[in-house]
Amino acid sequence: MKKGLFITLTVLLFSACKNQYNIKTNAALPEYMKIVNGQTTINDSSIVCELSLKQLPTQLRFNSNGLKVNAREYEWGVYFDNNNDGNYDLSLAVSNWKSEKKKEKEGEILKYTQTNIWKIENEGGSNIGYIDSKIEGDKIILTALFGANKLNEISSSSKIKYQTYYNSGTETYKDSLIIEN
């Protein structure tokens, strides 16, 4: 990435970009999973991703009894296809995975989730770093500093996908907003 490069990408729901609802069941997409807007800002030291949702409650129910241990329950993430080959290479995400030792409970989103940089590989991925996250109203903001974590591969030509995911144990909900540069 060139030093001093500053990129801001803003996508609105009614823009020319693709907004896809991919719901495995006939259930309605929860408001906290509906993507309204996505924005990514890249400068010479960090990347900041903002994921605006229709409505984000202050608390959610975590570790659903209907989930298998280690199943992904929630994710609010931003995926990057750095070489535009159709495969996403990295993601920044706030997520929760069902824990064997934790019981179902209600709590604040950032208290019961992890915030990571994921290297995407085949059908899975590996955690290669941690990021900062915060919630402002109905917006989740992810911030990562460049370093030895492959973030420097992200550029203004990277394809970006904003994605939400929720698995209740009986139904799976997913929304995505894709930016193709």
C-alpha atoms as a PDB file:
ATOM      1  CA  MET A   1       0.000   0.000   0.000  1.00  0.00           C
ATOM      2  CA  LYS A   2       1.294   3.456  -0.822  1.00  0.00           C
ATOM      3  CA  LYS A   3       2.134   5.603   2.167  1.00  0.00           C
ATOM      4  CA  GLY A   4      -0.440   8.299   2.807  1.00  0.00           C
ATOM      5  CA  LEU A   5      -3.148   6.545   0.791  1.00  0.00           C
ATOM      6  CA  PHE A   6      -6.579   7.387   2.167  1.00  0.00           C
ATOM      7  CA  ILE A   7      -9.644   5.579   0.953  1.00  0.00           C
ATOM      8  CA  THR A   8     -13.251   5.930   2.020  1.00  0.00           C
ATOM      9  CA  LEU A   9     -15.873   3.646   0.572  1.00  0.00           C
ATOM     10  CA  THR A  10     -19.496   4.300   1.433  1.00  0.00           C
ATOM     11  CA  VAL A  11     -22.343   2.151   0.315  1.00  0.00           C
ATOM     12  CA  LEU A  12     -26.010   2.924   0.930  1.00  0.00           C
ATOM     13  CA  LEU A  13     -28.774   0.352   0.818  1.00  0.00           C
ATOM     14  CA  PHE A  14     -30.257   1.818  -2.371  1.00  0.00           C
ATOM     15  CA  SER A  15     -26.952   2.236  -4.210  1.00  0.00           C
ATOM     16  CA  ALA A  16     -25.834   0.273  -7.257  1.00  0.00           C
ATOM     17  CA  CYS A  17     -24.110  -2.291  -5.025  1.00  0.00           C
ATOM     18  CA  LYS A  18     -25.574  -5.706  -4.295  1.00  0.00           C
ATOM     19  CA  ASN A  19     -27.541  -6.168  -1.071  1.00  0.00           C
ATOM     20  CA  GLN A  20     -28.341  -9.841  -0.691  1.00  0.00           C
ATOM     21  CA  TYR A  21     -30.621 -11.524   1.815  1.00  0.00           C
ATOM     22  CA  ASN A  22     -29.659 -15.149   2.115  1.00  0.00           C
ATOM     23  CA  ILE A  23     -31.942 -16.756   4.662  1.00  0.00           C
ATOM     24  CA  LYS A  24     -31.842 -20.530   5.018  1.00  0.00           C
ATOM     25  CA  THR A  25     -35.319 -20.564   6.576  1.00  0.00           C
ATOM     26  CA  ASN A  26     -38.533 -18.662   5.980  1.00  0.00           C
ATOM     27  CA  ALA A  27     -38.054 -16.681   9.164  1.00  0.00           C
ATOM     28  CA  ALA A  28     -37.779 -12.893   8.967  1.00  0.00           C
ATOM     29  CA  LEU A  29     -34.297 -11.412   9.173  1.00  0.00           C
ATOM     30  CA  PRO A  30     -33.786  -9.872  12.651  1.00  0.00           C
ATOM     31  CA  GLU A  31     -33.317  -6.076  12.649  1.00  0.00           C
ATOM     32  CA  TYR A  32     -29.823  -6.417  14.201  1.00  0.00           C
ATOM     33  CA  MET A  33     -28.766  -8.486  11.161  1.00  0.00           C
ATOM     34  CA  LYS A  34     -30.072  -6.104   8.452  1.00  0.00           C
ATOM     35  CA  ILE A  35     -27.194  -4.138   6.906  1.00  0.00           C
ATOM     36  CA  VAL A  36     -28.106  -0.547   6.082  1.00  0.00           C
ATOM     37  CA  ASN A  37     -24.668   0.868   5.260  1.00  0.00           C
ATOM     38  CA  GLY A  38     -21.006  -0.109   5.129  1.00  0.00           C
ATOM     39  CA  GLN A  39     -17.958   2.141   5.183  1.00  0.00           C
ATOM     40  CA  THR A  40     -14.261   1.293   5.162  1.00  0.00           C
ATOM     41  CA  THR A  41     -11.468   3.820   5.651  1.00  0.00           C
ATOM     42  CA  ILE A  42      -7.851   2.842   5.020  1.00  0.00           C
ATOM     43  CA  ASN A  43      -4.889   5.085   5.800  1.00  0.00           C
ATOM     44  CA  ASP A  44      -1.173   4.446   6.225  1.00  0.00           C
ATOM     45  CA  SER A  45      -1.494   3.042   9.767  1.00  0.00           C
ATOM     46  CA  SER A  46      -4.944   1.482  10.154  1.00  0.00           C
ATOM     47  CA  ILE A  47      -8.187   0.284   8.669  1.00  0.00           C
ATOM     48  CA  VAL A  48     -11.554   1.290  10.123  1.00  0.00           C
ATOM     49  CA  CYS A  49     -14.741  -0.507   9.097  1.00  0.00           C
ATOM     50  CA  GLU A  50     -18.209   0.684  10.032  1.00  0.00           C
ATOM     51  CA  LEU A  51     -21.184  -1.628   9.745  1.00  0.00           C
ATOM     52  CA  SER A  52     -24.522   0.183  10.173  1.00  0.00           C
ATOM     53  CA  LEU A  53     -27.522  -1.970  11.003  1.00  0.00           C
ATOM     54  CA  LYS A  54     -31.272  -1.351  10.950  1.00  0.00           C
ATOM     55  CA  GLN A  55     -31.494  -1.616  14.742  1.00  0.00           C
ATOM     56  CA  LEU A  56     -28.864  -2.852  17.177  1.00  0.00           C
ATOM     57  CA  PRO A  57     -30.097  -3.620  20.705  1.00  0.00           C
ATOM     58  CA  THR A  58     -27.870  -3.013  23.699  1.00  0.00           C
ATOM     59  CA  GLN A  59     -28.153  -6.688  24.675  1.00  0.00           C
ATOM     60  CA  LEU A  60     -28.701 -10.038  22.956  1.00  0.00           C
ATOM     61  CA  ARG A  61     -29.119 -13.661  24.100  1.00  0.00           C
ATOM     62  CA  PHE A  62     -25.871 -15.660  23.809  1.00  0.00           C
ATOM     63  CA  ASN A  63     -24.940 -19.365  23.898  1.00  0.00           C
ATOM     64  CA  SER A  64     -28.328 -20.635  22.736  1.00  0.00           C
ATOM     65  CA  ASN A  65     -29.227 -24.036  24.132  1.00  0.00           C
ATOM     66  CA  GLY A  66     -30.126 -25.096  20.572  1.00  0.00           C
ATOM     67  CA  LEU A  67     -26.536 -24.733  19.319  1.00  0.00           C
ATOM     68  CA  LYS A  68     -23.846 -27.391  19.227  1.00  0.00           C
ATOM     69  CA  VAL A  69     -20.603 -26.627  21.087  1.00  0.00           C
ATOM     70  CA  ASN A  70     -18.187 -24.505  18.994  1.00  0.00           C
ATOM     71  CA  ALA A  71     -20.921 -23.495  16.532  1.00  0.00           C
ATOM     72  CA  ARG A  72     -20.791 -19.898  15.312  1.00  0.00           C
ATOM     73  CA  GLU A  73     -23.744 -18.039  16.803  1.00  0.00           C
ATOM     74  CA  TYR A  74     -23.245 -14.382  15.795  1.00  0.00           C
ATOM     75  CA  GLU A  75     -20.979 -12.511  13.424  1.00  0.00           C
ATOM     76  CA  TRP A  76     -20.782  -8.928  12.208  1.00  0.00           C
ATOM     77  CA  GLY A  77     -17.856  -8.829   9.797  1.00  0.00           C
ATOM     78  CA  VAL A  78     -16.091  -7.253   6.852  1.00  0.00           C
ATOM     79  CA  TYR A  79     -14.440  -9.561   4.295  1.00  0.00           C
ATOM     80  CA  PHE A  80     -11.690  -8.590   1.832  1.00  0.00           C
ATOM     81  CA  ASP A  81     -10.823 -10.210  -1.520  1.00  0.00           C
ATOM     82  CA  ASN A  82      -7.396  -8.635  -1.959  1.00  0.00           C
ATOM     83  CA  ASN A  83      -6.599  -9.982  -5.422  1.00  0.00           C
ATOM     84  CA  ASN A  84     -10.201 -10.010  -6.732  1.00  0.00           C
ATOM     85  CA  ASP A  85     -10.107 -13.711  -7.589  1.00  0.00           C
ATOM     86  CA  GLY A  86     -13.540 -14.384  -6.093  1.00  0.00           C
ATOM     87  CA  ASN A  87     -12.149 -15.761  -2.828  1.00  0.00           C
ATOM     88  CA  TYR A  88     -12.070 -13.686   0.331  1.00  0.00           C
ATOM     89  CA  ASP A  89      -8.619 -13.571   1.932  1.00  0.00           C
ATOM     90  CA  LEU A  90      -9.114 -11.719   5.228  1.00  0.00           C
ATOM     91  CA  SER A  91     -11.918 -10.604   7.484  1.00  0.00           C
ATOM     92  CA  LEU A  92     -12.346  -8.352  10.488  1.00  0.00           C
ATOM     93  CA  ALA A  93     -15.177  -9.570  12.689  1.00  0.00           C
ATOM     94  CA  VAL A  94     -17.059  -9.386  15.952  1.00  0.00           C
ATOM     95  CA  SER A  95     -18.271 -12.935  16.618  1.00  0.00           C
ATOM     96  CA  ASN A  96     -19.510 -15.397  19.218  1.00  0.00           C
ATOM     97  CA  TRP A  97     -18.991 -19.152  19.183  1.00  0.00           C
ATOM     98  CA  LYS A  98     -21.020 -21.449  21.456  1.00  0.00           C
ATOM     99  CA  SER A  99     -18.915 -22.396  24.453  1.00  0.00           C
ATOM    100  CA  GLU A 100     -19.203 -25.722  26.246  1.00  0.00           C
ATOM    101  CA  LYS A 101     -18.710 -24.086  29.635  1.00  0.00           C
ATOM    102  CA  LYS A 102     -21.089 -21.132  29.242  1.00  0.00           C
ATOM    103  CA  LYS A 103     -24.818 -21.229  29.806  1.00  0.00           C
ATOM    104  CA  GLU A 104     -27.419 -19.353  27.779  1.00  0.00           C
ATOM    105  CA  LYS A 105     -27.608 -15.740  28.968  1.00  0.00           C
ATOM    106  CA  GLU A 106     -28.432 -12.227  27.909  1.00  0.00           C
ATOM    107  CA  GLY A 107     -25.720  -9.597  27.801  1.00  0.00           C
ATOM    108  CA  GLU A 108     -23.971  -6.735  26.051  1.00  0.00           C
ATOM    109  CA  ILE A 109     -22.729  -7.596  22.574  1.00  0.00           C
ATOM    110  CA  LEU A 110     -19.077  -6.629  23.038  1.00  0.00           C
ATOM    111  CA  LYS A 111     -18.897  -8.361  26.431  1.00  0.00           C
ATOM    112  CA  TYR A 112     -19.825 -11.765  24.979  1.00  0.00           C
ATOM    113  CA  THR A 113     -18.028 -11.628  21.629  1.00  0.00           C
ATOM    114  CA  GLN A 114     -14.473 -11.720  20.351  1.00  0.00           C
ATOM    115  CA  THR A 115     -12.982  -9.301  17.827  1.00  0.00           C
ATOM    116  CA  ASN A 116     -10.498 -10.821  15.419  1.00  0.00           C
ATOM    117  CA  ILE A 117      -8.641 -10.659  12.139  1.00  0.00           C
ATOM    118  CA  TRP A 118      -9.272 -13.908  10.277  1.00  0.00           C
ATOM    119  CA  LYS A 119      -7.195 -15.366   7.443  1.00  0.00           C
ATOM    120  CA  ILE A 120      -9.740 -17.145   5.229  1.00  0.00           C
ATOM    121  CA  GLU A 121      -8.673 -20.576   4.010  1.00  0.00           C
ATOM    122  CA  ASN A 122     -10.920 -22.909   2.000  1.00  0.00           C
ATOM    123  CA  GLU A 123     -14.092 -23.383   4.083  1.00  0.00           C
ATOM    124  CA  GLY A 124     -12.563 -22.129   7.327  1.00  0.00           C
ATOM    125  CA  GLY A 125     -10.110 -19.648   8.684  1.00  0.00           C
ATOM    126  CA  SER A 126      -7.546 -18.960  11.344  1.00  0.00           C
ATOM    127  CA  ASN A 127      -7.346 -16.139  13.850  1.00  0.00           C
ATOM    128  CA  ILE A 128      -4.251 -14.078  13.032  1.00  0.00           C
ATOM    129  CA  GLY A 129      -4.837 -11.076  15.275  1.00  0.00           C
ATOM    130  CA  TYR A 130      -7.125  -8.970  17.386  1.00  0.00           C
ATOM    131  CA  ILE A 131      -8.859  -5.687  16.647  1.00  0.00           C
ATOM    132  CA  ASP A 132     -10.600  -2.958  18.577  1.00  0.00           C
ATOM    133  CA  SER A 133     -14.350  -2.654  18.362  1.00  0.00           C
ATOM    134  CA  LYS A 134     -17.013  -0.324  19.659  1.00  0.00           C
ATOM    135  CA  ILE A 135     -20.714   0.248  19.226  1.00  0.00           C
ATOM    136  CA  GLU A 136     -22.192   3.664  18.524  1.00  0.00           C
ATOM    137  CA  GLY A 137     -25.981   3.521  18.287  1.00  0.00           C
ATOM    138  CA  ASP A 138     -26.827   1.034  15.506  1.00  0.00           C
ATOM    139  CA  LYS A 139     -23.256   0.945  14.180  1.00  0.00           C
ATOM    140  CA  ILE A 140     -20.434  -1.524  14.904  1.00  0.00           C
ATOM    141  CA  ILE A 141     -16.981  -0.003  14.326  1.00  0.00           C
ATOM    142  CA  LEU A 142     -13.933  -2.239  13.828  1.00  0.00           C
ATOM    143  CA  THR A 143     -10.404  -0.799  13.952  1.00  0.00           C
ATOM    144  CA  ALA A 144      -7.180  -2.656  13.133  1.00  0.00           C
ATOM    145  CA  LEU A 145      -3.626  -1.352  12.988  1.00  0.00           C
ATOM    146  CA  PHE A 146      -1.339  -2.409  10.151  1.00  0.00           C
ATOM    147  CA  GLY A 147       1.501  -4.683  11.129  1.00  0.00           C
ATOM    148  CA  ALA A 148       2.594  -8.271  10.639  1.00  0.00           C
ATOM    149  CA  ASN A 149      -1.004  -9.452  10.182  1.00  0.00           C
ATOM    150  CA  LYS A 150      -1.481  -9.288   6.379  1.00  0.00           C
ATOM    151  CA  LEU A 151      -3.687  -6.174   6.582  1.00  0.00           C
ATOM    152  CA  ASN A 152      -1.210  -4.350   4.358  1.00  0.00           C
ATOM    153  CA  GLU A 153      -2.495  -6.568   1.493  1.00  0.00           C
ATOM    154  CA  ILE A 154      -5.806  -4.668   1.571  1.00  0.00           C
ATOM    155  CA  SER A 155      -6.000  -1.862  -1.006  1.00  0.00           C
ATOM    156  CA  SER A 156      -8.479   0.407  -2.749  1.00  0.00           C
ATOM    157  CA  SER A 157      -8.973  -2.304  -5.383  1.00  0.00           C
ATOM    158  CA  SER A 158      -9.924  -5.012  -2.862  1.00  0.00           C
ATOM    159  CA  LYS A 159     -13.457  -6.382  -3.151  1.00  0.00           C
ATOM    160  CA  ILE A 160     -15.280  -5.813   0.168  1.00  0.00           C
ATOM    161  CA  LYS A 161     -18.197  -7.741   1.647  1.00  0.00           C
ATOM    162  CA  TYR A 162     -20.028  -6.570   4.768  1.00  0.00           C
ATOM    163  CA  GLN A 163     -21.760  -9.555   6.351  1.00  0.00           C
ATOM    164  CA  THR A 164     -23.938 -10.445   9.316  1.00  0.00           C
ATOM    165  CA  TYR A 165     -24.702 -13.962  10.522  1.00  0.00           C
ATOM    166  CA  TYR A 166     -26.921 -15.415  13.254  1.00  0.00           C
ATOM    167  CA  ASN A 167     -27.536 -19.083  14.074  1.00  0.00           C
ATOM    168  CA  SER A 168     -30.271 -19.760  16.645  1.00  0.00           C
ATOM    169  CA  GLY A 169     -29.713 -23.520  16.519  1.00  0.00           C
ATOM    170  CA  THR A 170     -32.853 -24.060  14.452  1.00  0.00           C
ATOM    171  CA  GLU A 171     -32.616 -21.182  11.956  1.00  0.00           C
ATOM    172  CA  THR A 172     -29.740 -19.374  10.254  1.00  0.00           C
ATOM    173  CA  TYR A 173     -29.891 -15.728   9.176  1.00  0.00           C
ATOM    174  CA  LYS A 174     -27.416 -13.962   6.910  1.00  0.00           C
ATOM    175  CA  ASP A 175     -27.189 -10.590   5.176  1.00  0.00           C
ATOM    176  CA  SER A 176     -24.409  -9.231   3.003  1.00  0.00           C
ATOM    177  CA  LEU A 177     -23.516  -6.081   1.138  1.00  0.00           C
ATOM    178  CA  ILE A 178     -20.816  -6.442  -1.536  1.00  0.00           C
ATOM    179  CA  ILE A 179     -18.614  -3.726  -3.040  1.00  0.00           C
ATOM    180  CA  GLU A 180     -16.836  -4.631  -6.264  1.00  0.00           C
ATOM    181  CA  ASN A 181     -14.183  -2.107  -7.273  1.00  0.00           C
END
